[in-house]
Amino acid sequence: MESKTYNIYYDEESDFLEVFFGEPSESYAEEVEPGIFVRRDDQTDKVTSINILSYKKRADVLRSLLKKINLRLPINIELE
């Protein structure tokens, strides 16, 4: 991915994680697994964000999903 801009939002109360890549754009979402959504740019089809419900139960999913779509984050995200 060309962009080096990452924004991470986590809501502890609802255990919802969202990772944004690059600048916001018009996009659509697809549920790739139950409770896991990937948003893609309408024009380029590039991934714009990943959304994970019940993140604490699925923390390992983020790493494998990023690998599958060929994206990397410069940090590890771990919640206790």
PDB file of N, CA and C in Angstrom:
ATOM      1  N   MET A   1       0.847  -1.187   0.000  1.00  0.00           N
ATOM      2  CA  MET A   1       0.000   0.000   0.000  1.00  0.00           C
ATOM      3  C   MET A   1       0.886   1.240   0.000  1.00  0.00           C
ATOM      4  N   GLU A   2       0.508   2.239  -0.755  1.00  0.00           N
ATOM      5  CA  GLU A   2       1.310   3.435  -0.901  1.00  0.00           C
ATOM      6  C   GLU A   2       1.280   4.331   0.328  1.00  0.00           C
ATOM      7  N   SER A   3       0.140   4.439   0.967  1.00  0.00           N
ATOM      8  CA  SER A   3      -0.014   5.351   2.089  1.00  0.00           C
ATOM      9  C   SER A   3       0.714   4.862   3.327  1.00  0.00           C
ATOM     10  N   LYS A   4       1.305   5.796   4.055  1.00  0.00           N
ATOM     11  CA  LYS A   4       1.947   5.480   5.323  1.00  0.00           C
ATOM     12  C   LYS A   4       1.145   6.050   6.482  1.00  0.00           C
ATOM     13  N   THR A   5      -0.065   6.504   6.206  1.00  0.00           N
ATOM     14  CA  THR A   5      -0.929   7.073   7.231  1.00  0.00           C
ATOM     15  C   THR A   5      -1.850   5.995   7.780  1.00  0.00           C
ATOM     16  N   TYR A   6      -1.806   5.813   9.098  1.00  0.00           N
ATOM     17  CA  TYR A   6      -2.653   4.836   9.761  1.00  0.00           C
ATOM     18  C   TYR A   6      -3.333   5.521  10.932  1.00  0.00           C
ATOM     19  N   ASN A   7      -4.600   5.244  11.110  1.00  0.00           N
ATOM     20  CA  ASN A   7      -5.320   5.708  12.287  1.00  0.00           C
ATOM     21  C   ASN A   7      -6.011   4.506  12.887  1.00  0.00           C
ATOM     22  N   ILE A   8      -5.940   4.404  14.203  1.00  0.00           N
ATOM     23  CA  ILE A   8      -6.532   3.276  14.895  1.00  0.00           C
ATOM     24  C   ILE A   8      -7.517   3.805  15.919  1.00  0.00           C
ATOM     25  N   TYR A   9      -8.720   3.250  15.889  1.00  0.00           N
ATOM     26  CA  TYR A   9      -9.757   3.621  16.841  1.00  0.00           C
ATOM     27  C   TYR A   9     -10.192   2.352  17.563  1.00  0.00           C
ATOM     28  N   TYR A  10     -10.210   2.412  18.880  1.00  0.00           N
ATOM     29  CA  TYR A  10     -10.690   1.270  19.662  1.00  0.00           C
ATOM     30  C   TYR A  10     -11.688   1.766  20.697  1.00  0.00           C
ATOM     31  N   ASP A  11     -12.858   1.139  20.732  1.00  0.00           N
ATOM     32  CA  ASP A  11     -13.876   1.443  21.727  1.00  0.00           C
ATOM     33  C   ASP A  11     -13.908   0.275  22.711  1.00  0.00           C
ATOM     34  N   GLU A  12     -13.376   0.507  23.897  1.00  0.00           N
ATOM     35  CA  GLU A  12     -13.259  -0.568  24.890  1.00  0.00           C
ATOM     36  C   GLU A  12     -14.614  -1.083  25.348  1.00  0.00           C
ATOM     37  N   GLU A  13     -15.560  -0.184  25.521  1.00  0.00           N
ATOM     38  CA  GLU A  13     -16.884  -0.585  26.000  1.00  0.00           C
ATOM     39  C   GLU A  13     -17.559  -1.576  25.041  1.00  0.00           C
ATOM     40  N   SER A  14     -17.474  -1.302  23.757  1.00  0.00           N
ATOM     41  CA  SER A  14     -18.103  -2.194  22.782  1.00  0.00           C
ATOM     42  C   SER A  14     -17.109  -3.202  22.184  1.00  0.00           C
ATOM     43  N   ASP A  15     -15.824  -3.095  22.565  1.00  0.00           N
ATOM     44  CA  ASP A  15     -14.767  -3.984  22.077  1.00  0.00           C
ATOM     45  C   ASP A  15     -14.739  -3.992  20.552  1.00  0.00           C
ATOM     46  N   PHE A  16     -14.675  -2.784  19.979  1.00  0.00           N
ATOM     47  CA  PHE A  16     -14.685  -2.582  18.529  1.00  0.00           C
ATOM     48  C   PHE A  16     -13.383  -1.913  18.114  1.00  0.00           C
ATOM     49  N   LEU A  17     -12.691  -2.509  17.150  1.00  0.00           N
ATOM     50  CA  LEU A  17     -11.446  -1.949  16.631  1.00  0.00           C
ATOM     51  C   LEU A  17     -11.634  -1.568  15.178  1.00  0.00           C
ATOM     52  N   GLU A  18     -11.136  -0.387  14.827  1.00  0.00           N
ATOM     53  CA  GLU A  18     -11.149   0.047  13.429  1.00  0.00           C
ATOM     54  C   GLU A  18      -9.771   0.599  13.092  1.00  0.00           C
ATOM     55  N   VAL A  19      -9.193   0.101  12.010  1.00  0.00           N
ATOM     56  CA  VAL A  19      -7.899   0.558  11.534  1.00  0.00           C
ATOM     57  C   VAL A  19      -8.115   1.191  10.170  1.00  0.00           C
ATOM     58  N   PHE A  20      -7.724   2.465  10.056  1.00  0.00           N
ATOM     59  CA  PHE A  20      -7.893   3.220   8.810  1.00  0.00           C
ATOM     60  C   PHE A  20      -6.546   3.313   8.093  1.00  0.00           C
ATOM     61  N   PHE A  21      -6.571   3.221   6.772  1.00  0.00           N
ATOM     62  CA  PHE A  21      -5.371   3.343   5.947  1.00  0.00           C
ATOM     63  C   PHE A  21      -5.539   4.521   5.013  1.00  0.00           C
ATOM     64  N   GLY A  22      -4.610   5.477   5.071  1.00  0.00           N
ATOM     65  CA  GLY A  22      -4.640   6.610   4.156  1.00  0.00           C
ATOM     66  C   GLY A  22      -5.754   7.596   4.460  1.00  0.00           C
ATOM     67  N   GLU A  23      -6.038   8.422   3.483  1.00  0.00           N
ATOM     68  CA  GLU A  23      -7.059   9.452   3.606  1.00  0.00           C
ATOM     69  C   GLU A  23      -8.450   8.852   3.407  1.00  0.00           C
ATOM     70  N   PRO A  24      -9.458   9.403   4.101  1.00  0.00           N
ATOM     71  CA  PRO A  24     -10.829   8.900   3.920  1.00  0.00           C
ATOM     72  C   PRO A  24     -11.301   9.076   2.478  1.00  0.00           C
ATOM     73  N   SER A  25     -12.108   8.153   2.023  1.00  0.00           N
ATOM     74  CA  SER A  25     -12.663   8.237   0.670  1.00  0.00           C
ATOM     75  C   SER A  25     -14.005   7.512   0.649  1.00  0.00           C
ATOM     76  N   GLU A  26     -14.752   7.730  -0.423  1.00  0.00           N
ATOM     77  CA  GLU A  26     -16.009   7.005  -0.599  1.00  0.00           C
ATOM     78  C   GLU A  26     -15.660   5.525  -0.711  1.00  0.00           C
ATOM     79  N   SER A  27     -16.352   4.708   0.082  1.00  0.00           N
ATOM     80  CA  SER A  27     -15.995   3.295   0.085  1.00  0.00           C
ATOM     81  C   SER A  27     -17.206   2.416   0.373  1.00  0.00           C
ATOM     82  N   TYR A  28     -17.002   1.134   0.182  1.00  0.00           N
ATOM     83  CA  TYR A  28     -18.037   0.148   0.482  1.00  0.00           C
ATOM     84  C   TYR A  28     -17.437  -0.887   1.428  1.00  0.00           C
ATOM     85  N   ALA A  29     -18.291  -1.591   2.167  1.00  0.00           N
ATOM     86  CA  ALA A  29     -17.819  -2.590   3.126  1.00  0.00           C
ATOM     87  C   ALA A  29     -18.255  -3.981   2.698  1.00  0.00           C
ATOM     88  N   GLU A  30     -17.405  -4.950   3.008  1.00  0.00           N
ATOM     89  CA  GLU A  30     -17.768  -6.347   2.812  1.00  0.00           C
ATOM     90  C   GLU A  30     -17.411  -7.100   4.083  1.00  0.00           C
ATOM     91  N   GLU A  31     -18.279  -7.992   4.497  1.00  0.00           N
ATOM     92  CA  GLU A  31     -18.024  -8.805   5.680  1.00  0.00           C
ATOM     93  C   GLU A  31     -17.247 -10.034   5.227  1.00  0.00           C
ATOM     94  N   VAL A  32     -15.960 -10.095   5.590  1.00  0.00           N
ATOM     95  CA  VAL A  32     -15.098 -11.181   5.134  1.00  0.00           C
ATOM     96  C   VAL A  32     -15.186 -12.412   6.025  1.00  0.00           C
ATOM     97  N   GLU A  33     -15.585 -12.215   7.263  1.00  0.00           N
ATOM     98  CA  GLU A  33     -15.876 -13.269   8.232  1.00  0.00           C
ATOM     99  C   GLU A  33     -16.931 -12.670   9.151  1.00  0.00           C
ATOM    100  N   PRO A  34     -17.672 -13.479   9.878  1.00  0.00           N
ATOM    101  CA  PRO A  34     -18.672 -12.904  10.779  1.00  0.00           C
ATOM    102  C   PRO A  34     -18.039 -11.895  11.750  1.00  0.00           C
ATOM    103  N   GLY A  35     -18.533 -10.660  11.701  1.00  0.00           N
ATOM    104  CA  GLY A  35     -18.053  -9.605  12.587  1.00  0.00           C
ATOM    105  C   GLY A  35     -16.769  -8.936  12.153  1.00  0.00           C
ATOM    106  N   ILE A  36     -16.270  -9.259  10.974  1.00  0.00           N
ATOM    107  CA  ILE A  36     -15.036  -8.659  10.467  1.00  0.00           C
ATOM    108  C   ILE A  36     -15.321  -8.060   9.093  1.00  0.00           C
ATOM    109  N   PHE A  37     -15.115  -6.756   9.002  1.00  0.00           N
ATOM    110  CA  PHE A  37     -15.457  -6.018   7.786  1.00  0.00           C
ATOM    111  C   PHE A  37     -14.223  -5.355   7.190  1.00  0.00           C
ATOM    112  N   VAL A  38     -14.145  -5.370   5.870  1.00  0.00           N
ATOM    113  CA  VAL A  38     -13.097  -4.667   5.142  1.00  0.00           C
ATOM    114  C   VAL A  38     -13.794  -3.629   4.275  1.00  0.00           C
ATOM    115  N   ARG A  39     -13.335  -2.379   4.403  1.00  0.00           N
ATOM    116  CA  ARG A  39     -13.877  -1.308   3.561  1.00  0.00           C
ATOM    117  C   ARG A  39     -12.881  -1.047   2.441  1.00  0.00           C
ATOM    118  N   ARG A  40     -13.418  -0.875   1.217  1.00  0.00           N
ATOM    119  CA  ARG A  40     -12.593  -0.627   0.034  1.00  0.00           C
ATOM    120  C   ARG A  40     -13.058   0.636  -0.683  1.00  0.00           C
ATOM    121  N   ASP A  41     -12.104   1.347  -1.238  1.00  0.00           N
ATOM    122  CA  ASP A  41     -12.376   2.566  -1.994  1.00  0.00           C
ATOM    123  C   ASP A  41     -13.252   2.230  -3.200  1.00  0.00           C
ATOM    124  N   ASP A  42     -14.290   3.044  -3.416  1.00  0.00           N
ATOM    125  CA  ASP A  42     -15.208   2.828  -4.535  1.00  0.00           C
ATOM    126  C   ASP A  42     -14.510   2.851  -5.894  1.00  0.00           C
ATOM    127  N   GLN A  43     -13.524   3.735  -6.053  1.00  0.00           N
ATOM    128  CA  GLN A  43     -12.874   3.915  -7.352  1.00  0.00           C
ATOM    129  C   GLN A  43     -11.702   2.962  -7.577  1.00  0.00           C
ATOM    130  N   THR A  44     -10.858   2.788  -6.552  1.00  0.00           N
ATOM    131  CA  THR A  44      -9.614   2.026  -6.728  1.00  0.00           C
ATOM    132  C   THR A  44      -9.683   0.605  -6.184  1.00  0.00           C
ATOM    133  N   ASP A  45     -10.665   0.327  -5.359  1.00  0.00           N
ATOM    134  CA  ASP A  45     -10.833  -0.971  -4.709  1.00  0.00           C
ATOM    135  C   ASP A  45      -9.748  -1.262  -3.663  1.00  0.00           C
ATOM    136  N   LYS A  46      -8.936  -0.261  -3.309  1.00  0.00           N
ATOM    137  CA  LYS A  46      -7.919  -0.447  -2.271  1.00  0.00           C
ATOM    138  C   LYS A  46      -8.588  -0.446  -0.902  1.00  0.00           C
ATOM    139  N   VAL A  47      -8.005  -1.187   0.026  1.00  0.00           N
ATOM    140  CA  VAL A  47      -8.534  -1.269   1.384  1.00  0.00           C
ATOM    141  C   VAL A  47      -8.370   0.078   2.080  1.00  0.00           C
ATOM    142  N   THR A  48      -9.471   0.590   2.653  1.00  0.00           N
ATOM    143  CA  THR A  48      -9.423   1.859   3.375  1.00  0.00           C
ATOM    144  C   THR A  48      -9.535   1.669   4.881  1.00  0.00           C
ATOM    145  N   SER A  49     -10.138   0.548   5.316  1.00  0.00           N
ATOM    146  CA  SER A  49     -10.189   0.263   6.751  1.00  0.00           C
ATOM    147  C   SER A  49     -10.563  -1.193   6.996  1.00  0.00           C
ATOM    148  N   ILE A  50     -10.238  -1.624   8.201  1.00  0.00           N
ATOM    149  CA  ILE A  50     -10.623  -2.941   8.690  1.00  0.00           C
ATOM    150  C   ILE A  50     -11.366  -2.711   9.998  1.00  0.00           C
ATOM    151  N   ASN A  51     -12.509  -3.359  10.158  1.00  0.00           N
ATOM    152  CA  ASN A  51     -13.344  -3.205  11.353  1.00  0.00           C
ATOM    153  C   ASN A  51     -13.551  -4.577  11.980  1.00  0.00           C
ATOM    154  N   ILE A  52     -13.308  -4.670  13.289  1.00  0.00           N
ATOM    155  CA  ILE A  52     -13.443  -5.955  13.964  1.00  0.00           C
ATOM    156  C   ILE A  52     -14.310  -5.795  15.205  1.00  0.00           C
ATOM    157  N   LEU A  53     -15.435  -6.501  15.214  1.00  0.00           N
ATOM    158  CA  LEU A  53     -16.296  -6.559  16.390  1.00  0.00           C
ATOM    159  C   LEU A  53     -15.739  -7.622  17.334  1.00  0.00           C
ATOM    160  N   SER A  54     -15.915  -7.445  18.633  1.00  0.00           N
ATOM    161  CA  SER A  54     -15.384  -8.381  19.644  1.00  0.00           C
ATOM    162  C   SER A  54     -13.896  -8.610  19.424  1.00  0.00           C
ATOM    163  N   TYR A  55     -13.140  -7.523  19.348  1.00  0.00           N
ATOM    164  CA  TYR A  55     -11.719  -7.590  19.009  1.00  0.00           C
ATOM    165  C   TYR A  55     -10.903  -8.447  19.984  1.00  0.00           C
ATOM    166  N   LYS A  56     -11.162  -8.343  21.265  1.00  0.00           N
ATOM    167  CA  LYS A  56     -10.347  -9.081  22.234  1.00  0.00           C
ATOM    168  C   LYS A  56     -10.378 -10.583  21.977  1.00  0.00           C
ATOM    169  N   LYS A  57     -11.490 -11.085  21.488  1.00  0.00           N
ATOM    170  CA  LYS A  57     -11.604 -12.508  21.172  1.00  0.00           C
ATOM    171  C   LYS A  57     -10.939 -12.850  19.833  1.00  0.00           C
ATOM    172  N   ARG A  58     -10.679 -11.827  19.013  1.00  0.00           N
ATOM    173  CA  ARG A  58     -10.205 -12.066  17.642  1.00  0.00           C
ATOM    174  C   ARG A  58      -8.913 -11.338  17.316  1.00  0.00           C
ATOM    175  N   ALA A  59      -8.125 -11.014  18.291  1.00  0.00           N
ATOM    176  CA  ALA A  59      -6.915 -10.222  18.049  1.00  0.00           C
ATOM    177  C   ALA A  59      -6.008 -10.851  16.999  1.00  0.00           C
ATOM    178  N   ASP A  60      -5.918 -12.162  16.976  1.00  0.00           N
ATOM    179  CA  ASP A  60      -5.068 -12.843  16.002  1.00  0.00           C
ATOM    180  C   ASP A  60      -5.586 -12.703  14.575  1.00  0.00           C
ATOM    181  N   VAL A  61      -6.862 -12.431  14.429  1.00  0.00           N
ATOM    182  CA  VAL A  61      -7.461 -12.288  13.102  1.00  0.00           C
ATOM    183  C   VAL A  61      -6.885 -11.084  12.364  1.00  0.00           C
ATOM    184  N   LEU A  62      -6.605  -9.997  13.085  1.00  0.00           N
ATOM    185  CA  LEU A  62      -6.086  -8.790  12.440  1.00  0.00           C
ATOM    186  C   LEU A  62      -4.777  -9.096  11.725  1.00  0.00           C
ATOM    187  N   ARG A  63      -3.867  -9.744  12.388  1.00  0.00           N
ATOM    188  CA  ARG A  63      -2.570 -10.050  11.783  1.00  0.00           C
ATOM    189  C   ARG A  63      -2.740 -10.908  10.521  1.00  0.00           C
ATOM    190  N   SER A  64      -3.539 -11.953  10.599  1.00  0.00           N
ATOM    191  CA  SER A  64      -3.706 -12.824   9.428  1.00  0.00           C
ATOM    192  C   SER A  64      -4.446 -12.111   8.299  1.00  0.00           C
ATOM    193  N   LEU A  65      -5.414 -11.257   8.642  1.00  0.00           N
ATOM    194  CA  LEU A  65      -6.141 -10.510   7.619  1.00  0.00           C
ATOM    195  C   LEU A  65      -5.226  -9.510   6.914  1.00  0.00           C
ATOM    196  N   LEU A  66      -4.387  -8.805   7.677  1.00  0.00           N
ATOM    197  CA  LEU A  66      -3.444  -7.870   7.063  1.00  0.00           C
ATOM    198  C   LEU A  66      -2.495  -8.605   6.111  1.00  0.00           C
ATOM    199  N   LYS A  67      -2.043  -9.761   6.522  1.00  0.00           N
ATOM    200  CA  LYS A  67      -1.155 -10.546   5.666  1.00  0.00           C
ATOM    201  C   LYS A  67      -1.874 -10.974   4.388  1.00  0.00           C
ATOM    202  N   LYS A  68      -3.120 -11.397   4.534  1.00  0.00           N
ATOM    203  CA  LYS A  68      -3.899 -11.866   3.387  1.00  0.00           C
ATOM    204  C   LYS A  68      -4.109 -10.765   2.348  1.00  0.00           C
ATOM    205  N   ILE A  69      -4.321  -9.518   2.807  1.00  0.00           N
ATOM    206  CA  ILE A  69      -4.555  -8.421   1.867  1.00  0.00           C
ATOM    207  C   ILE A  69      -3.280  -7.613   1.610  1.00  0.00           C
ATOM    208  N   ASN A  70      -2.142  -8.161   2.062  1.00  0.00           N
ATOM    209  CA  ASN A  70      -0.824  -7.592   1.792  1.00  0.00           C
ATOM    210  C   ASN A  70      -0.649  -6.181   2.354  1.00  0.00           C
ATOM    211  N   LEU A  71      -1.058  -5.985   3.601  1.00  0.00           N
ATOM    212  CA  LEU A  71      -0.862  -4.714   4.302  1.00  0.00           C
ATOM    213  C   LEU A  71      -0.082  -4.971   5.582  1.00  0.00           C
ATOM    214  N   ARG A  72       0.669  -3.966   6.018  1.00  0.00           N
ATOM    215  CA  ARG A  72       1.420  -4.089   7.264  1.00  0.00           C
ATOM    216  C   ARG A  72       1.203  -2.846   8.103  1.00  0.00           C
ATOM    217  N   LEU A  73       1.154  -3.048   9.413  1.00  0.00           N
ATOM    218  CA  LEU A  73       1.127  -1.928  10.348  1.00  0.00           C
ATOM    219  C   LEU A  73       2.483  -1.859  11.021  1.00  0.00           C
ATOM    220  N   PRO A  74       2.982  -0.654  11.309  1.00  0.00           N
ATOM    221  CA  PRO A  74       4.289  -0.530  11.929  1.00  0.00           C
ATOM    222  C   PRO A  74       4.272  -0.808  13.433  1.00  0.00           C
ATOM    223  N   ILE A  75       3.148  -1.287  13.958  1.00  0.00           N
ATOM    224  CA  ILE A  75       3.016  -1.542  15.393  1.00  0.00           C
ATOM    225  C   ILE A  75       2.265  -2.839  15.620  1.00  0.00           C
ATOM    226  N   ASN A  76       2.358  -3.348  16.828  1.00  0.00           N
ATOM    227  CA  ASN A  76       1.533  -4.466  17.244  1.00  0.00           C
ATOM    228  C   ASN A  76       0.416  -3.929  18.113  1.00  0.00           C
ATOM    229  N   ILE A  77      -0.772  -4.472  17.960  1.00  0.00           N
ATOM    230  CA  ILE A  77      -1.906  -4.048  18.743  1.00  0.00           C
ATOM    231  C   ILE A  77      -2.277  -5.192  19.666  1.00  0.00           C
ATOM    232  N   GLU A  78      -2.089  -4.994  20.944  1.00  0.00           N
ATOM    233  CA  GLU A  78      -2.450  -6.016  21.914  1.00  0.00           C
ATOM    234  C   GLU A  78      -3.222  -5.364  23.041  1.00  0.00           C
ATOM    235  N   LEU A  79      -4.301  -5.982  23.423  1.00  0.00           N
ATOM    236  CA  LEU A  79      -5.142  -5.489  24.507  1.00  0.00           C
ATOM    237  C   LEU A  79      -5.175  -6.536  25.592  1.00  0.00           C
ATOM    238  N   GLU A  80      -5.159  -6.088  26.828  1.00  0.00           N
ATOM    239  CA  GLU A  80      -5.220  -7.031  27.939  1.00  0.00           C
ATOM    240  C   GLU A  80      -6.624  -7.143  28.457  1.00  0.00           C
TER     241      GLU A  80
END
